Amino acid sequence: MNAPFSPPFGTVCLVGLGYIGLPTAVVFALRGVNVLGLDVNQKAVDSINRGESHIVEPGLQEALQRTVAAGHLRATTTPEAADAFLIAVPTPFLARGNGHEPDMRFVEAASRSIAPVLKKGDLVVLESTSPVGATEQMAEWLAEERPDLTFPQAHGPDSDIRVAHCPERILPGHALVELVTNDRIIGGMTEACASRARQLYKLVVEGDCIETTSRTAEMAKLTENSFRDVNIAFANELSLICDRLDINVWELIRLANRHPRVNILQPGPGVGGHCIAVDPWFIVSQAPDEARIIRAAREINDGKPEWVLAKVHQAVAEHLAETGRAPRITCFGLSFKPNIDDLRESPALSITRKLADFYPGQVRVVEPFIKALPEGFESKAELIAEKGAFEDTDIAVLLVDHDAFKVTPVPVDGSVRLVDTRGLWVGRPR
């Protein structure tokens, strides 16, 4: 029996050109695929069409220039026909009362926007990290807009449109490499959907592409990030305990990790980014009675910024008691992880913004990966260069372990109070 004919992917459309969508578009374009980028942000679209990346990611600027110049990548705000559509838009959560519900508005808007240009044989893949059942919901939105086409939920393997979920799992700062080398989970609403999606990803992915159901693929991504969140929460809770018992938590972790079966992560000011800080809540929202450890981990990590703020307030009080004058506070880092410009869900940003509200005019910020402070700071804080940052500083707050900060000369004479949430200054080996 002959295998069913699978037409080539003439054009691939990336819906959402942010930290995931743009690198993914570039990776496909580098393989000679005709790529259309779709985004609601006109400024981002114009920038991309000039070959200029609006996000910071190593190697992305040069690769984008090449693909745009070669005519393999073009961006637009207007949906156009394609053979495959990859949706990579934000999926935040809505905090309501004591709960955190998934916010699927962006996925719904993206789905309804591309529905008018769908044609028989097209593939639609949801890449956005989503709660279980989101891919099925996306297919329902598409079907509502296009009753003239058939979809997997009603017509199974014979549907006109193939629908799948393929969660990204890249490390910011290594996107162009990991999009190619990492294994991908391909979750189809039917086996035919998974098979078609696998054909698409194998155009660029050198790792394994493993087929499963859309619900299992959705849960896999949530599980990966929840596992990491729980382990970070252990380290953060350990830092609170060690602070109370007057123990250097970084030295303790180094010693404990010498055990051959122990690998404790590093504590920090909280957890940020669009994945680990968000995804566990999707599980909690759908299984609140069962997800007890996952909820506890989220609460520990969400509470760590308040602990950091309390440490800074304590340092401020001590400085006032000793000198009688208001201290000058310098915060090092705003991004949610080192060596990138991504501020999404960043605890460092939240802490610094609150400090600027508490102490307007007294706060300075060192963040080498941005050119201006984001909204919310107004004239309350000042962005300064790293060089000379310790000059005219009374309290230094380390929030992000950028490589540049690892070699920053730190005053050791007690002239500057240090609030080190990353262990770069007070946690260095003896």
Protein backbone atom coordinates (compact mmCIF):
# COMPACT_ATOMS: atom_id res chain seq x y z
CA MET A 1 0.00 0.00 0.00
CA ASN A 2 1.41 3.37 -1.00
CA ALA A 3 1.89 6.03 1.67
CA PRO A 4 -0.37 9.10 1.27
CA PHE A 5 1.16 11.90 -0.75
CA SER A 6 2.54 14.77 1.37
CA PRO A 7 2.98 17.99 -0.57
CA PRO A 8 6.06 20.09 0.18
CA PHE A 9 5.89 23.10 2.45
CA GLY A 10 6.17 26.00 0.01
CA THR A 11 5.62 28.69 2.62
CA VAL A 12 5.75 28.54 6.41
CA CYS A 13 4.09 31.31 8.41
CA LEU A 14 5.33 32.17 11.91
CA VAL A 15 2.57 33.89 13.90
CA GLY A 16 4.25 35.96 16.60
CA LEU A 17 7.77 37.29 16.07
CA GLY A 18 9.08 37.50 19.60
CA TYR A 19 11.76 35.61 21.50
CA ILE A 20 10.60 32.26 20.09
CA GLY A 21 8.87 33.13 16.82
CA LEU A 22 11.63 35.22 15.26
CA PRO A 23 14.50 32.77 15.88
CA THR A 24 12.25 29.94 14.62
CA ALA A 25 11.43 31.90 11.48
CA VAL A 26 15.12 32.55 10.87
CA VAL A 27 16.07 28.88 11.37
CA PHE A 28 13.54 27.78 8.73
CA ALA A 29 14.64 30.57 6.39
CA LEU A 30 18.29 29.55 6.78
CA ARG A 31 17.30 26.16 5.32
CA GLY A 32 15.91 27.87 2.24
CA VAL A 33 12.26 27.64 3.28
CA ASN A 34 10.09 30.57 2.21
CA VAL A 35 9.04 32.10 5.55
CA LEU A 36 6.35 34.68 6.26
CA GLY A 37 6.41 36.34 9.67
CA LEU A 38 3.10 37.63 11.03
CA ASP A 39 2.91 40.02 13.95
CA VAL A 40 0.60 42.78 15.22
CA ASN A 41 3.55 45.03 16.06
CA GLN A 42 4.17 47.25 13.03
CA LYS A 43 7.50 48.51 14.41
CA ALA A 44 8.78 44.96 14.82
CA VAL A 45 7.60 44.05 11.30
CA ASP A 46 9.32 47.09 9.77
CA SER A 47 12.52 46.35 11.70
CA ILE A 48 12.59 42.72 10.55
CA ASN A 49 12.01 43.69 6.93
CA ARG A 50 15.08 45.94 7.20
CA GLY A 51 17.04 42.96 8.48
CA GLU A 52 17.21 44.38 12.00
CA SER A 53 16.36 42.20 15.00
CA HIS A 54 14.23 43.82 17.71
CA ILE A 55 15.40 41.28 20.31
CA VAL A 56 18.84 40.37 21.64
CA GLU A 57 19.91 36.81 20.81
CA PRO A 58 23.47 35.78 19.88
CA GLY A 59 23.83 35.29 16.12
CA LEU A 60 20.26 36.31 15.36
CA GLN A 61 21.05 39.71 13.85
CA GLU A 62 23.51 38.33 11.30
CA ALA A 63 21.28 35.37 10.39
CA LEU A 64 18.25 37.65 10.01
CA GLN A 65 20.15 39.96 7.67
CA ARG A 66 21.18 37.02 5.49
CA THR A 67 17.72 35.51 5.23
CA VAL A 68 15.99 38.81 4.51
CA ALA A 69 18.61 39.74 1.89
CA ALA A 70 18.19 36.32 0.26
CA GLY A 71 14.43 36.82 0.05
CA HIS A 72 13.65 33.83 2.28
CA LEU A 73 12.07 35.83 5.12
CA ARG A 74 9.50 38.61 5.05
CA ALA A 75 7.29 40.04 7.80
CA THR A 76 3.79 41.48 7.65
CA THR A 77 0.85 42.48 9.84
CA THR A 78 -1.68 41.02 7.40
CA PRO A 79 -2.35 37.25 7.26
CA GLU A 80 -1.49 35.58 3.96
CA ALA A 81 -1.85 32.07 2.60
CA ALA A 82 0.81 29.52 3.56
CA ASP A 83 1.18 25.75 3.82
CA ALA A 84 1.99 25.64 7.53
CA PHE A 85 1.25 28.07 10.35
CA LEU A 86 3.27 28.01 13.57
CA ILE A 87 1.65 30.01 16.37
CA ALA A 88 4.15 31.36 18.90
CA VAL A 89 2.30 34.04 20.86
CA PRO A 90 2.30 34.75 24.62
CA THR A 91 0.19 32.64 26.99
CA PRO A 92 0.27 34.48 30.33
CA PHE A 93 -2.01 33.80 33.27
CA LEU A 94 -4.78 35.82 34.88
CA ALA A 95 -4.45 36.16 38.66
CA ARG A 96 -7.96 35.94 40.07
CA GLY A 97 -8.37 35.73 43.83
CA ASN A 98 -6.07 32.95 44.97
CA GLY A 99 -6.00 31.34 41.53
CA HIS A 100 -4.00 31.72 38.35
CA GLU A 101 -5.99 30.95 35.20
CA PRO A 102 -4.43 30.57 31.73
CA ASP A 103 -4.98 33.56 29.47
CA MET A 104 -5.59 32.22 25.97
CA ARG A 105 -6.67 35.50 24.36
CA PHE A 106 -3.54 35.82 22.23
CA VAL A 107 -3.83 32.26 20.94
CA GLU A 108 -7.49 32.81 20.13
CA ALA A 109 -6.74 36.08 18.32
CA ALA A 110 -3.93 34.45 16.33
CA SER A 111 -6.13 31.47 15.41
CA ARG A 112 -9.02 33.59 14.23
CA SER A 113 -6.67 35.89 12.29
CA ILE A 114 -5.23 33.07 10.14
CA ALA A 115 -8.49 31.17 9.68
CA PRO A 116 -9.64 33.17 6.61
CA VAL A 117 -6.49 32.22 4.64
CA LEU A 118 -6.50 28.49 5.47
CA LYS A 119 -6.93 26.01 2.63
CA LYS A 120 -7.29 22.25 2.42
CA GLY A 121 -4.04 20.47 3.26
CA ASP A 122 -2.68 23.17 5.57
CA LEU A 123 -0.95 22.43 8.88
CA VAL A 124 -1.50 24.55 12.01
CA VAL A 125 0.90 24.05 14.94
CA LEU A 126 0.56 25.64 18.35
CA GLU A 127 4.06 26.28 19.75
CA SER A 128 2.96 28.51 22.63
CA THR A 129 3.24 26.78 25.99
CA SER A 130 -0.37 26.10 26.91
CA PRO A 131 -2.65 24.27 29.33
CA VAL A 132 -3.78 20.76 28.49
CA GLY A 133 -6.53 20.89 25.86
CA ALA A 134 -5.38 24.19 24.32
CA THR A 135 -4.61 22.64 20.93
CA GLU A 136 -8.12 21.18 20.79
CA GLN A 137 -9.55 24.57 21.73
CA MET A 138 -7.50 26.21 18.96
CA ALA A 139 -8.95 23.74 16.48
CA GLU A 140 -12.46 24.67 17.65
CA TRP A 141 -11.78 28.37 17.08
CA LEU A 142 -10.49 27.60 13.59
CA ALA A 143 -13.55 25.48 12.84
CA GLU A 144 -15.89 28.25 14.00
CA GLU A 145 -14.30 30.62 11.50
CA ARG A 146 -14.10 28.10 8.64
CA PRO A 147 -17.19 25.84 8.53
CA ASP A 148 -16.30 25.06 4.91
CA LEU A 149 -13.21 23.11 6.03
CA THR A 150 -12.98 19.97 8.15
CA PHE A 151 -10.86 19.64 11.31
CA PRO A 152 -9.51 16.69 13.33
CA GLN A 153 -11.98 16.98 16.21
CA ALA A 154 -14.84 16.08 13.86
CA HIS A 155 -13.23 14.25 10.93
CA GLY A 156 -10.19 12.57 12.51
CA PRO A 157 -7.45 11.47 10.08
CA ASP A 158 -9.51 12.58 7.07
CA SER A 159 -9.63 16.26 8.08
CA ASP A 160 -8.78 19.01 5.62
CA ILE A 161 -6.58 20.78 8.17
CA ARG A 162 -3.90 19.09 10.27
CA VAL A 163 -3.52 20.44 13.82
CA ALA A 164 -0.67 19.76 16.26
CA HIS A 165 1.21 21.04 19.28
CA CYS A 166 5.00 21.29 19.34
CA PRO A 167 6.28 23.11 22.44
CA GLU A 168 9.57 24.94 22.19
CA ARG A 169 12.22 24.11 24.77
CA ILE A 170 15.12 26.43 24.03
CA LEU A 171 17.46 28.28 26.33
CA PRO A 172 17.50 32.05 25.67
CA GLY A 173 20.98 32.98 24.51
CA HIS A 174 21.32 29.66 22.64
CA ALA A 175 18.15 29.77 20.53
CA LEU A 176 19.63 29.31 17.06
CA VAL A 177 21.59 26.25 18.15
CA GLU A 178 18.96 24.59 20.32
CA LEU A 179 16.16 25.05 17.78
CA VAL A 180 18.19 22.75 15.56
CA THR A 181 19.85 20.33 17.99
CA ASN A 182 17.18 19.78 20.67
CA ASP A 183 14.70 16.92 20.44
CA ARG A 184 11.12 18.03 19.72
CA ILE A 185 7.87 16.55 20.96
CA ILE A 186 5.26 16.49 18.18
CA GLY A 187 1.74 16.19 19.57
CA GLY A 188 -0.90 15.63 16.92
CA MET A 189 -4.66 15.66 17.36
CA THR A 190 -4.48 12.52 15.18
CA GLU A 191 -1.60 10.35 14.03
CA ALA A 192 -1.90 11.97 10.60
CA CYS A 193 -1.55 15.40 12.22
CA ALA A 194 1.56 14.33 14.14
CA SER A 195 3.10 12.79 11.04
CA ARG A 196 2.57 15.93 8.98
CA ALA A 197 3.99 18.16 11.70
CA ARG A 198 7.02 15.91 12.03
CA GLN A 199 7.68 16.31 8.29
CA LEU A 200 7.78 20.06 8.81
CA TYR A 201 10.13 20.08 11.79
CA LYS A 202 12.53 17.59 10.24
CA LEU A 203 13.31 20.29 7.67
CA VAL A 204 15.35 22.01 10.38
CA VAL A 205 15.62 19.78 13.47
CA GLU A 206 18.65 17.49 13.78
CA GLY A 207 17.44 16.06 17.10
CA ASP A 208 14.72 13.45 17.38
CA CYS A 209 11.11 14.41 16.60
CA ILE A 210 8.95 12.18 18.79
CA GLU A 211 5.28 11.81 17.93
CA THR A 212 2.57 11.66 20.59
CA THR A 213 -0.86 13.14 21.30
CA SER A 214 -1.44 16.88 21.58
CA ARG A 215 -2.49 16.56 25.23
CA THR A 216 0.65 14.62 26.16
CA ALA A 217 2.82 17.16 24.34
CA GLU A 218 1.14 20.03 26.19
CA MET A 219 1.62 18.31 29.55
CA ALA A 220 5.23 17.42 28.74
CA LYS A 221 6.24 21.08 28.47
CA LEU A 222 4.37 22.00 31.64
CA THR A 223 6.01 19.06 33.43
CA GLU A 224 9.53 20.04 32.33
CA ASN A 225 9.17 23.57 33.66
CA SER A 226 7.37 22.53 36.82
CA PHE A 227 10.17 20.08 37.60
CA ARG A 228 12.68 22.90 37.30
CA ASP A 229 10.49 25.23 39.37
CA VAL A 230 10.26 22.71 42.21
CA ASN A 231 14.03 22.28 42.27
CA ILE A 232 14.62 26.04 42.26
CA ALA A 233 12.10 26.39 45.09
CA PHE A 234 14.13 23.92 47.17
CA ALA A 235 17.23 26.09 46.70
CA ASN A 236 15.32 29.29 47.46
CA GLU A 237 13.77 27.82 50.59
CA LEU A 238 17.20 26.61 51.65
CA SER A 239 18.51 30.18 51.29
CA LEU A 240 15.82 31.42 53.70
CA ILE A 241 16.68 28.73 56.23
CA CYS A 242 20.42 29.41 55.97
CA ASP A 243 19.86 33.14 56.43
CA ARG A 244 18.03 32.46 59.68
CA LEU A 245 20.72 30.06 60.88
CA ASP A 246 23.62 32.34 59.79
CA ILE A 247 25.02 29.89 57.22
CA ASN A 248 26.45 30.81 53.81
CA VAL A 249 23.99 29.03 51.53
CA TRP A 250 26.31 28.99 48.52
CA GLU A 251 29.10 27.33 50.46
CA LEU A 252 26.57 24.86 51.86
CA ILE A 253 25.28 23.95 48.38
CA ARG A 254 28.81 23.50 47.07
CA LEU A 255 29.51 21.07 49.88
CA ALA A 256 26.20 19.20 49.60
CA ASN A 257 26.66 18.82 45.85
CA ARG A 258 29.83 16.85 46.42
CA HIS A 259 27.52 13.94 47.21
CA PRO A 260 27.40 11.81 44.02
CA ARG A 261 23.58 11.82 43.87
CA VAL A 262 22.86 15.40 44.98
CA ASN A 263 22.61 18.34 42.57
CA ILE A 264 21.04 21.33 44.29
CA LEU A 265 20.45 24.35 42.06
CA GLN A 266 21.42 27.91 42.94
CA PRO A 267 19.05 30.25 44.81
CA GLY A 268 18.18 33.68 43.49
CA PRO A 269 15.76 36.59 43.90
CA GLY A 270 12.83 34.58 42.49
CA VAL A 271 11.97 32.97 39.17
CA GLY A 272 11.25 34.84 35.95
CA GLY A 273 10.74 34.35 32.26
CA HIS A 274 7.63 33.38 30.39
CA CYS A 275 7.99 29.65 31.09
CA ILE A 276 9.03 28.57 34.59
CA ALA A 277 7.27 31.46 36.31
CA VAL A 278 4.01 30.78 34.45
CA ASP A 279 3.65 27.16 33.29
CA PRO A 280 3.26 25.46 36.71
CA TRP A 281 0.15 27.55 37.34
CA PHE A 282 -1.45 25.92 34.28
CA ILE A 283 -1.18 22.54 35.99
CA VAL A 284 -2.41 23.93 39.31
CA SER A 285 -5.40 25.57 37.63
CA GLN A 286 -6.50 22.26 36.08
CA ALA A 287 -5.70 19.95 39.02
CA PRO A 288 -5.74 22.17 42.14
CA ASP A 289 -6.26 19.37 44.67
CA GLU A 290 -3.51 17.15 43.27
CA ALA A 291 -0.79 19.69 42.40
CA ARG A 292 0.27 20.38 45.98
CA ILE A 293 4.05 20.33 45.58
CA ILE A 294 3.85 22.31 42.34
CA ARG A 295 1.70 24.99 44.02
CA ALA A 296 3.99 25.18 47.05
CA ALA A 297 7.03 25.62 44.81
CA ARG A 298 5.35 28.43 42.91
CA GLU A 299 4.43 30.19 46.16
CA ILE A 300 7.99 29.88 47.51
CA ASN A 301 9.50 31.29 44.33
CA ASP A 302 6.87 34.00 43.99
CA GLY A 303 7.55 35.05 47.59
CA LYS A 304 11.33 35.35 47.28
CA PRO A 305 11.28 38.95 45.89
CA GLU A 306 9.54 40.16 49.07
CA TRP A 307 12.30 38.58 51.13
CA VAL A 308 14.91 40.40 49.02
CA LEU A 309 13.04 43.69 49.49
CA ALA A 310 13.04 43.13 53.24
CA LYS A 311 16.82 42.67 53.13
CA VAL A 312 17.25 45.98 51.29
CA HIS A 313 14.91 47.78 53.71
CA GLN A 314 17.00 46.41 56.56
CA ALA A 315 20.18 47.72 54.93
CA VAL A 316 18.54 51.11 54.42
CA ALA A 317 17.54 51.26 58.09
CA GLU A 318 21.06 50.37 59.21
CA HIS A 319 22.57 53.01 56.93
CA LEU A 320 20.19 55.67 58.22
CA ALA A 321 20.97 54.74 61.83
CA GLU A 322 24.70 55.03 61.21
CA THR A 323 24.89 58.09 58.96
CA GLY A 324 21.61 59.95 59.39
CA ARG A 325 21.21 60.35 55.63
CA ALA A 326 19.25 58.57 52.90
CA PRO A 327 21.34 55.88 51.16
CA ARG A 328 22.11 55.66 47.46
CA ILE A 329 21.04 52.26 46.13
CA THR A 330 22.43 50.58 43.00
CA CYS A 331 20.68 47.53 41.56
CA PHE A 332 22.71 45.22 39.31
CA GLY A 333 20.61 43.52 36.63
CA LEU A 334 16.98 43.64 35.47
CA SER A 335 16.59 40.65 33.11
CA PHE A 336 15.11 37.34 34.26
CA LYS A 337 18.33 35.43 33.54
CA PRO A 338 21.97 36.30 32.80
CA ASN A 339 23.32 37.72 29.55
CA ILE A 340 20.02 38.48 27.79
CA ASP A 341 17.69 41.49 27.51
CA ASP A 342 14.48 39.56 28.31
CA LEU A 343 12.58 41.23 31.16
CA ARG A 344 9.45 39.03 31.07
CA GLU A 345 8.23 38.08 34.56
CA SER A 346 11.64 39.15 35.89
CA PRO A 347 11.89 39.21 39.70
CA ALA A 348 14.86 41.56 39.35
CA LEU A 349 12.69 44.05 37.47
CA SER A 350 9.89 43.74 40.03
CA ILE A 351 12.27 44.25 42.96
CA THR A 352 13.99 47.25 41.36
CA ARG A 353 10.69 48.89 40.41
CA LYS A 354 9.42 48.56 43.98
CA LEU A 355 12.66 49.96 45.36
CA ALA A 356 12.32 52.95 43.01
CA ASP A 357 8.80 53.48 44.35
CA PHE A 358 9.98 53.21 47.96
CA TYR A 359 13.06 55.39 47.46
CA PRO A 360 12.44 57.70 44.48
CA GLY A 361 15.57 59.46 43.28
CA GLN A 362 17.83 57.21 45.33
CA VAL A 363 17.98 54.20 42.97
CA ARG A 364 20.39 53.59 40.11
CA VAL A 365 20.31 50.60 37.77
CA VAL A 366 23.10 48.75 35.97
CA GLU A 367 21.76 46.60 33.11
CA PRO A 368 24.19 46.23 30.20
CA PHE A 369 21.62 44.61 27.87
CA ILE A 370 19.11 47.47 27.66
CA LYS A 371 19.38 51.08 26.52
CA ALA A 372 16.57 52.61 28.58
CA LEU A 373 14.58 51.76 31.67
CA PRO A 374 11.16 50.23 30.91
CA GLU A 375 7.83 51.79 31.73
CA GLY A 376 7.07 52.33 35.39
CA PHE A 377 10.32 53.98 36.42
CA GLU A 378 9.74 57.45 34.99
CA SER A 379 12.13 59.76 36.89
CA LYS A 380 12.38 57.58 39.99
CA ALA A 381 15.56 55.75 38.94
CA GLU A 382 18.56 56.22 36.66
CA LEU A 383 20.19 53.75 34.25
CA ILE A 384 23.99 53.93 34.57
CA ALA A 385 27.01 52.17 33.10
CA GLU A 386 28.73 49.37 34.99
CA LYS A 387 32.05 51.20 35.09
CA GLY A 388 32.23 53.16 38.30
CA ALA A 389 28.89 51.83 39.53
CA PHE A 390 30.18 51.34 43.06
CA GLU A 391 31.20 54.97 43.27
CA ASP A 392 28.64 57.05 45.09
CA THR A 393 26.81 53.87 46.20
CA ASP A 394 25.86 52.96 49.74
CA ILE A 395 23.86 49.78 49.10
CA ALA A 396 24.54 47.44 46.15
CA VAL A 397 21.86 44.90 45.25
CA LEU A 398 22.98 42.06 42.95
CA LEU A 399 19.92 40.60 41.19
CA VAL A 400 21.25 39.01 37.97
CA ASP A 401 24.50 37.10 37.54
CA HIS A 402 25.54 38.59 34.20
CA ASP A 403 29.05 37.49 33.21
CA ALA A 404 30.19 41.10 33.42
CA PHE A 405 29.24 41.23 37.10
CA LYS A 406 31.26 38.12 37.91
CA VAL A 407 34.48 40.11 37.48
CA THR A 408 33.21 43.38 38.94
CA PRO A 409 35.60 44.68 41.61
CA VAL A 410 33.58 44.71 44.82
CA PRO A 411 34.48 46.92 47.80
CA VAL A 412 35.54 44.73 50.71
CA ASP A 413 36.15 47.49 53.23
CA GLY A 414 32.52 47.67 54.38
CA SER A 415 31.95 51.05 52.71
CA VAL A 416 29.11 49.52 50.66
CA ARG A 417 26.42 47.26 52.07
CA LEU A 418 25.95 44.23 49.80
CA VAL A 419 22.66 42.46 49.18
CA ASP A 420 23.78 39.56 47.02
CA THR A 421 20.96 37.31 45.76
CA ARG A 422 23.19 35.33 43.38
CA GLY A 423 26.24 34.47 45.46
CA LEU A 424 28.71 36.26 43.18
CA TRP A 425 30.05 38.61 45.82
CA VAL A 426 29.38 37.08 49.23
CA GLY A 427 29.20 33.48 48.02
CA ARG A 428 32.58 33.20 46.34
CA PRO A 429 34.73 30.24 47.49
CA ARG A 430 37.13 30.96 50.30
